[in-house]
Protein backbone atom coordinates (compact mmCIF):
# COMPACT_ATOMS: atom_id res chain seq x y z
CA UNK A 1 0.00 0.00 0.02
CA UNK A 2 2.94 2.37 0.74
CA UNK A 3 4.36 1.81 -2.76
CA UNK A 4 0.95 2.47 -4.29
CA UNK A 5 0.67 5.70 -2.19
CA UNK A 6 4.07 6.75 -3.28
CA UNK A 7 3.30 6.15 -6.99
CA UNK A 8 0.00 7.97 -6.63
CA UNK A 9 1.76 10.97 -5.11
CA UNK A 10 4.48 10.98 -7.82
CA UNK A 11 1.84 10.87 -10.59
CA UNK A 12 -0.26 13.54 -8.85
CA UNK A 13 2.67 15.91 -8.29
CA UNK A 14 4.36 15.45 -11.71
CA UNK A 15 1.10 15.84 -13.58
CA UNK A 16 0.00 18.71 -11.55
CA UNK A 17 3.28 20.52 -12.16
CA UNK A 18 2.89 20.03 -15.94
CA UNK A 19 -0.78 21.16 -15.75
CA UNK A 20 0.22 24.32 -13.97
CA UNK A 21 2.88 25.05 -16.51
CA UNK A 22 0.74 24.42 -19.59
CA UNK A 23 -2.27 26.01 -17.87
CA UNK A 24 -0.50 29.38 -18.06
CA UNK A 25 -1.19 29.41 -21.78
CA UNK A 26 -4.99 29.41 -21.82
CA UNK A 27 -4.85 31.85 -18.90
CA UNK A 28 -2.97 34.45 -20.92
CA UNK A 29 -3.73 33.55 -24.57
CA UNK A 30 -6.51 35.13 -26.63
CA UNK A 31 -9.77 33.49 -25.43
CA UNK A 32 -11.45 31.28 -28.04
CA UNK A 33 -8.35 31.27 -30.33
CA UNK A 34 -6.56 28.17 -31.53
CA UNK A 35 -3.78 28.42 -28.97
CA UNK A 36 -6.29 28.82 -26.17
CA UNK A 37 -8.34 25.81 -27.37
CA UNK A 38 -5.28 23.56 -27.78
CA UNK A 39 -3.71 24.46 -24.47
CA UNK A 40 -7.10 24.29 -22.79
CA UNK A 41 -7.60 20.73 -23.99
CA UNK A 42 -4.15 19.77 -22.79
CA UNK A 43 -4.69 21.39 -19.41
CA UNK A 44 -8.00 19.68 -18.97
CA UNK A 45 -6.56 16.33 -19.85
CA UNK A 46 -3.78 16.71 -17.33
CA UNK A 47 -6.24 18.11 -14.81
CA UNK A 48 -8.29 15.00 -15.09
CA UNK A 49 -5.24 12.90 -14.11
CA UNK A 50 -4.50 15.21 -11.20
CA UNK A 51 -8.07 14.92 -9.92
CA UNK A 52 -8.21 11.20 -10.40
CA UNK A 53 -5.03 10.77 -8.30
CA UNK A 54 -6.51 13.07 -5.60
CA UNK A 55 -9.81 11.11 -5.57
CA UNK A 56 -7.87 7.85 -5.28
CA UNK A 57 -5.95 9.27 -2.35
CA UNK A 58 -9.18 10.34 -0.68
CA UNK A 59 -10.68 6.82 -1.07
CA UNK A 60 -7.59 4.78 -0.12
CA UNK A 61 -5.33 6.90 2.05
CA UNK A 62 -7.67 9.23 4.15
CA UNK A 63 -6.09 12.69 3.82
CA UNK A 64 -7.11 15.41 6.32
CA UNK A 65 -10.64 16.77 5.68
CA UNK A 66 -9.49 20.29 4.74
CA UNK A 67 -7.42 18.79 1.95
CA UNK A 68 -10.45 16.78 0.86
CA UNK A 69 -12.39 20.09 0.75
CA UNK A 70 -9.78 21.54 -1.55
CA UNK A 71 -10.00 18.45 -3.86
CA UNK A 72 -13.77 18.73 -3.92
CA UNK A 73 -13.78 22.42 -4.73
CA UNK A 74 -11.13 21.94 -7.49
CA UNK A 75 -13.11 19.00 -8.98
CA UNK A 76 -16.43 20.90 -8.98
CA UNK A 77 -14.87 23.89 -10.69
CA UNK A 78 -13.33 21.62 -13.30
CA UNK A 79 -16.48 19.72 -14.11
CA UNK A 80 -18.81 22.76 -14.03
CA UNK A 81 -16.36 24.95 -15.92
CA UNK A 82 -16.05 22.38 -18.80
CA UNK A 83 -19.74 21.58 -18.72
CA UNK A 84 -20.45 25.27 -19.48
CA UNK A 85 -18.81 24.90 -22.90
CA UNK A 86 -21.45 22.35 -23.90
CA UNK A 87 -24.33 24.67 -23.20
CA UNK A 88 -24.34 26.09 -26.65
CA UNK A 89 -28.06 26.39 -27.49
CA UNK A 90 -29.71 26.93 -24.05
CA UNK A 91 -28.90 27.30 -20.50
CA UNK A 92 -28.14 24.86 -17.67
CA UNK A 93 -30.16 21.62 -17.68
CA UNK A 94 -30.93 18.70 -15.34
CA UNK A 95 -27.31 17.29 -15.33
CA UNK A 96 -26.06 20.70 -14.19
CA UNK A 97 -28.64 20.87 -11.42
CA UNK A 98 -27.75 17.38 -10.25
CA UNK A 99 -24.04 18.21 -10.27
CA UNK A 100 -24.71 21.25 -8.06
CA UNK A 101 -26.83 19.24 -5.68
CA UNK A 102 -24.15 16.60 -5.47
CA UNK A 103 -21.62 19.33 -4.80
CA UNK A 104 -23.72 20.70 -1.88
CA UNK A 105 -24.14 17.19 -0.45
CA UNK A 106 -20.47 16.37 -0.64
CA UNK A 107 -19.50 19.78 0.87
CA UNK A 108 -21.70 19.26 3.85
CA UNK A 109 -20.39 15.77 4.34
CA UNK A 110 -16.81 17.03 4.36
CA UNK A 111 -17.79 19.91 6.66
CA UNK A 112 -18.99 17.40 9.27
CA UNK A 113 -15.52 15.80 9.13
CA UNK A 114 -13.64 19.09 9.38
CA UNK A 115 -12.43 18.47 12.91
CA UNK A 116 -9.92 16.01 11.51
CA UNK A 117 -7.41 18.64 10.39
CA UNK A 118 -3.68 18.91 10.74
CA UNK A 119 -1.24 21.73 11.59
CA UNK A 120 -0.78 22.35 7.89
CA UNK A 121 -4.40 21.74 6.72
CA UNK A 122 -6.39 23.40 9.52
CA UNK A 123 -10.17 23.33 9.89
CA UNK A 124 -10.23 27.10 9.25
CA UNK A 125 -8.84 26.60 5.75
CA UNK A 126 -11.35 23.73 5.23
CA UNK A 127 -14.37 25.74 6.33
CA UNK A 128 -13.34 28.67 4.12
CA UNK A 129 -12.94 26.32 1.15
CA UNK A 130 -16.33 24.80 1.81
CA UNK A 131 -17.92 28.22 2.05
CA UNK A 132 -16.53 29.15 -1.30
CA UNK A 133 -17.82 25.89 -2.86
CA UNK A 134 -21.34 26.41 -1.41
CA UNK A 135 -21.39 29.89 -2.80
CA UNK A 136 -20.47 28.61 -6.20
CA UNK A 137 -23.14 25.86 -6.12
CA UNK A 138 -25.77 28.41 -5.00
CA UNK A 139 -24.81 30.57 -8.07
CA UNK A 140 -25.05 27.53 -10.38
CA UNK A 141 -28.50 26.51 -8.90
CA UNK A 142 -29.78 30.04 -9.52
CA UNK A 143 -28.91 30.16 -13.21
CA UNK A 144 -32.20 28.68 -14.51
CA UNK A 145 -33.99 31.63 -12.88
CA UNK A 146 -32.16 34.18 -15.13
CA UNK A 147 -31.16 31.92 -17.98
CA UNK A 148 -31.69 34.39 -20.79
CA UNK A 149 -29.30 36.94 -19.27
CA UNK A 150 -26.90 34.21 -18.25
CA UNK A 151 -26.73 32.74 -21.73
CA UNK A 152 -26.24 36.12 -23.48
CA UNK A 153 -23.92 37.82 -21.09
CA UNK A 154 -22.45 35.46 -18.46
CA UNK A 155 -21.83 32.03 -20.04
CA UNK A 156 -18.29 32.82 -21.32
CA UNK A 157 -17.43 34.44 -17.95
CA UNK A 158 -18.76 31.38 -16.18
CA UNK A 159 -16.32 29.06 -18.02
CA UNK A 160 -13.39 31.40 -17.54
CA UNK A 161 -13.91 32.08 -13.82
CA UNK A 162 -14.27 28.37 -13.00
CA UNK A 163 -11.24 27.27 -14.88
CA UNK A 164 -9.20 30.06 -13.32
CA UNK A 165 -10.47 28.87 -10.00
CA UNK A 166 -9.46 25.30 -10.85
CA UNK A 167 -6.00 26.39 -11.92
CA UNK A 168 -5.40 28.31 -8.62
CA UNK A 169 -6.92 25.43 -6.57
CA UNK A 170 -4.30 23.16 -7.97
CA UNK A 171 -1.61 25.74 -7.26
CA UNK A 172 -2.88 26.33 -3.70
CA UNK A 173 -3.08 22.68 -2.83
CA UNK A 174 0.28 21.92 -4.36
CA UNK A 175 1.98 24.83 -2.58
CA UNK A 176 0.27 23.95 0.69
CA UNK A 177 1.52 20.35 0.55
CA UNK A 178 4.99 20.97 -0.74
CA UNK A 179 5.68 24.06 1.31
CA UNK A 180 4.00 22.91 4.54
CA UNK A 181 6.47 24.84 6.72
CA UNK A 182 5.11 28.08 5.17
CA UNK A 183 1.53 27.33 5.99
CA UNK A 184 -0.93 28.96 6.04
CA UNK A 185 0.70 31.53 3.72
CA UNK A 186 1.75 28.96 1.11
CA UNK A 187 -1.90 27.87 0.79
CA UNK A 188 -3.68 31.15 1.34
CA UNK A 189 -1.64 33.36 -0.96
CA UNK A 190 -2.23 31.42 -4.14
CA UNK A 191 -5.93 31.38 -3.25
CA UNK A 192 -5.91 35.23 -2.83
CA UNK A 193 -4.09 35.68 -6.11
CA UNK A 194 -6.58 33.38 -7.80
CA UNK A 195 -9.56 35.32 -6.39
CA UNK A 196 -7.96 38.54 -7.67
CA UNK A 197 -7.47 36.95 -11.11
CA UNK A 198 -11.11 35.87 -11.24
CA UNK A 199 -12.31 39.43 -10.33
CA UNK A 200 -9.95 40.88 -12.91
CA UNK A 201 -11.21 38.45 -15.52
CA UNK A 202 -14.77 39.36 -14.95
CA UNK A 203 -14.06 43.08 -15.07
CA UNK A 204 -11.98 42.96 -18.21
CA UNK A 205 -14.16 40.64 -20.24
CA UNK A 206 -17.34 42.37 -19.09
CA UNK A 207 -15.92 45.39 -21.02
CA UNK A 208 -14.52 43.26 -23.80
CA UNK A 209 -16.97 40.34 -24.37
CA UNK A 210 -15.68 36.91 -25.40
CA UNK A 211 -17.17 35.13 -28.46
CA UNK A 212 -17.67 31.66 -26.98
CA UNK A 213 -19.35 29.28 -29.34
CA UNK A 214 -19.22 25.65 -30.32
CA UNK A 215 -15.86 26.29 -32.04
CA UNK A 216 -14.23 27.12 -28.75
CA UNK A 217 -15.12 23.88 -27.02
CA UNK A 218 -12.13 22.56 -25.06
């Protein structure tokens, strides 16, 4: 089991580092362009491996609950952010609602286990992460109530914000684990930078709308 755990960690860390490196390209390239689409697909593929390793660790090796909360939040942003790209003709549907409800249920389940933290991954970090996830699921569940405005004005921002969140969730979790002696700063600082990046993205692209159609699916 120790060897399997070591192999899982090596796959998780190495793939995560590559995802963070390649993920800089869709962050800074022209949105919807060929480079953005190619690098976005590559980042999404690597991200799937990163998340798969994290889920395997949660199932087999029982990491602290705050780290599970970080994995859950990253996974939700990944799935919901990519799902947005497929909503090309109308707004969110039943699968999106079910994903959000599942996210709420998992978040509450992890919250009840939050006392099992560590010096590096404290319950305070876990509760903050869960609060962010519940805010995101509440937004997602509200989308059918204003679907016309969402589709015309918010859909492309929805995808971008969630994928930025996923990127910085990977960075935050990686820094928090690899630089444990610098906790909580090594975990909190990437999260703060990510939040600033999401706000900046919304402000900029609200003034300069993105053309996000079926051709930009990644």
